[in-house]
Amino acid sequence: MKTIEEIYQIREKTRKKLGVDAPASETRIVVGLATCGVASGAKPVYDAFKKAIKENKIKKVTVGQAGCIGMCKFEPLVQVFVPGQPVVTYVNIGADAVSQIIEEHILGGKPVAKYTITQE
């Protein structure tokens, strides 16, 4: 890097890659990919979400990544932001849970309770 413009270009490329600039009208799926998430298997989860969204040609949904979400003992963590609804945080997610979350929550509008922390 030699100029400030190069830094801005790198920033914009990274923001797009991470899904940071998703429009407020879009659903965002964010996978925690800090060290604890990666160590717990979050990368295959992230890859599975990206693949499922692409293969099913789902529009207005972005898949991004975040650093530490703050609940390391529940990794891998996935947060789903649907406009106008509370954020849903999924815990202990494996790649095998992705298709159910896509079908029931992203497409069906109903969060999958068995992958969330519930208060009883």
Protein backbone atom coordinates (compact mmCIF):
# COMPACT_ATOMS: atom_id res chain seq x y z
CA MET A 1 0.00 0.00 0.00
CA LYS A 2 1.27 3.35 -0.95
CA THR A 3 -1.75 5.60 -0.92
CA ILE A 4 -4.84 6.23 1.17
CA GLU A 5 -6.91 5.28 -1.87
CA GLU A 6 -5.43 1.78 -1.77
CA ILE A 7 -6.47 1.47 1.87
CA TYR A 8 -10.03 2.54 1.00
CA GLN A 9 -10.16 -0.03 -1.80
CA ILE A 10 -9.01 -2.78 0.56
CA ARG A 11 -11.60 -1.67 3.13
CA GLU A 12 -14.44 -1.75 0.59
CA LYS A 13 -13.39 -5.15 -0.75
CA THR A 14 -13.24 -6.55 2.79
CA ARG A 15 -16.61 -5.04 3.78
CA LYS A 16 -18.26 -6.67 0.77
CA LYS A 17 -16.62 -10.01 1.52
CA LEU A 18 -17.83 -9.91 5.12
CA GLY A 19 -21.35 -8.81 4.25
CA VAL A 20 -21.02 -5.69 6.41
CA ASP A 21 -22.81 -3.44 3.97
CA ALA A 22 -25.95 -5.52 3.50
CA PRO A 23 -28.96 -3.24 2.99
CA ALA A 24 -31.24 -2.90 6.02
CA SER A 25 -33.99 -4.56 3.98
CA GLU A 26 -32.00 -7.78 3.62
CA THR A 27 -31.74 -10.72 5.96
CA ARG A 28 -28.22 -11.21 7.26
CA ILE A 29 -26.73 -14.45 8.52
CA VAL A 30 -23.58 -13.79 10.55
CA VAL A 31 -21.25 -16.58 11.63
CA GLY A 32 -18.79 -15.98 14.47
CA LEU A 33 -15.35 -16.68 13.04
CA ALA A 34 -13.05 -15.49 15.79
CA THR A 35 -10.42 -17.93 17.08
CA CYS A 36 -12.91 -19.66 19.36
CA GLY A 37 -15.44 -20.07 16.55
CA VAL A 38 -12.89 -21.41 14.10
CA ALA A 39 -11.56 -23.84 16.72
CA SER A 40 -15.12 -25.06 17.32
CA GLY A 41 -15.87 -25.68 13.66
CA ALA A 42 -17.49 -22.44 12.51
CA LYS A 43 -15.74 -22.35 9.11
CA PRO A 44 -17.64 -25.37 7.72
CA VAL A 45 -20.86 -23.79 9.05
CA TYR A 46 -20.06 -20.53 7.26
CA ASP A 47 -19.25 -22.42 4.06
CA ALA A 48 -22.49 -24.42 4.33
CA PHE A 49 -24.58 -21.25 4.65
CA LYS A 50 -22.84 -19.64 1.66
CA LYS A 51 -23.35 -22.79 -0.41
CA ALA A 52 -27.02 -23.21 0.60
CA ILE A 53 -27.90 -19.60 -0.20
CA LYS A 54 -26.20 -19.85 -3.59
CA GLU A 55 -27.52 -23.29 -4.54
CA ASN A 56 -31.10 -22.39 -3.58
CA LYS A 57 -30.81 -19.03 -5.36
CA ILE A 58 -32.13 -17.25 -2.28
CA LYS A 59 -32.30 -13.50 -2.86
CA LYS A 60 -31.97 -10.67 -0.35
CA VAL A 61 -29.99 -12.78 2.11
CA THR A 62 -26.32 -12.16 2.81
CA VAL A 63 -23.94 -14.39 4.71
CA GLY A 64 -21.19 -12.63 6.60
CA GLN A 65 -18.75 -13.23 9.38
CA ALA A 66 -18.00 -11.57 12.67
CA GLY A 67 -15.27 -11.72 15.24
CA CYS A 68 -16.11 -12.71 18.78
CA ILE A 69 -19.85 -12.66 19.45
CA GLY A 70 -19.11 -13.05 23.16
CA MET A 71 -20.37 -16.49 24.13
CA CYS A 72 -17.38 -18.71 23.41
CA LYS A 73 -18.72 -21.74 25.27
CA PHE A 74 -21.63 -21.90 22.79
CA GLU A 75 -19.53 -21.84 19.60
CA PRO A 76 -20.12 -22.17 16.74
CA LEU A 77 -22.54 -19.22 16.92
CA VAL A 78 -24.75 -17.90 14.16
CA GLN A 79 -26.87 -14.77 14.35
CA VAL A 80 -29.77 -14.17 11.99
CA PHE A 81 -30.93 -10.60 11.45
CA VAL A 82 -34.33 -10.39 9.77
CA PRO A 83 -35.58 -6.81 9.24
CA GLY A 84 -38.30 -5.93 11.73
CA GLN A 85 -37.70 -8.99 13.93
CA PRO A 86 -35.55 -9.69 16.99
CA VAL A 87 -32.09 -11.08 16.33
CA VAL A 88 -31.94 -14.86 16.67
CA THR A 89 -28.72 -16.38 17.97
CA TYR A 90 -28.12 -20.03 17.20
CA VAL A 91 -25.63 -21.93 19.37
CA ASN A 92 -23.53 -25.07 19.01
CA ILE A 93 -24.33 -25.12 15.30
CA GLY A 94 -22.89 -27.75 13.01
CA ALA A 95 -23.00 -27.70 9.23
CA ASP A 96 -25.74 -30.34 9.46
CA ALA A 97 -28.12 -27.76 11.02
CA VAL A 98 -27.78 -25.28 8.17
CA SER A 99 -30.41 -26.77 5.86
CA GLN A 100 -33.03 -26.79 8.63
CA ILE A 101 -32.27 -23.17 9.57
CA ILE A 102 -32.48 -22.15 5.91
CA GLU A 103 -35.77 -23.98 5.35
CA GLU A 104 -37.57 -23.12 8.58
CA HIS A 105 -36.17 -19.71 9.52
CA ILE A 106 -34.85 -18.02 6.41
CA LEU A 107 -37.54 -19.30 4.02
CA GLY A 108 -40.31 -20.17 6.49
CA GLY A 109 -39.96 -17.27 8.91
CA LYS A 110 -39.92 -19.42 12.06
CA PRO A 111 -36.69 -19.66 14.11
CA VAL A 112 -35.53 -23.18 14.94
CA ALA A 113 -35.87 -23.23 18.74
CA LYS A 114 -33.81 -26.37 19.33
CA TYR A 115 -30.65 -24.50 18.27
CA THR A 116 -31.23 -21.45 20.46
CA ILE A 117 -30.74 -20.83 24.16
CA THR A 118 -34.10 -20.90 25.85
CA GLN A 119 -35.06 -19.74 29.30
CA GLU A 120 -37.17 -22.27 31.15
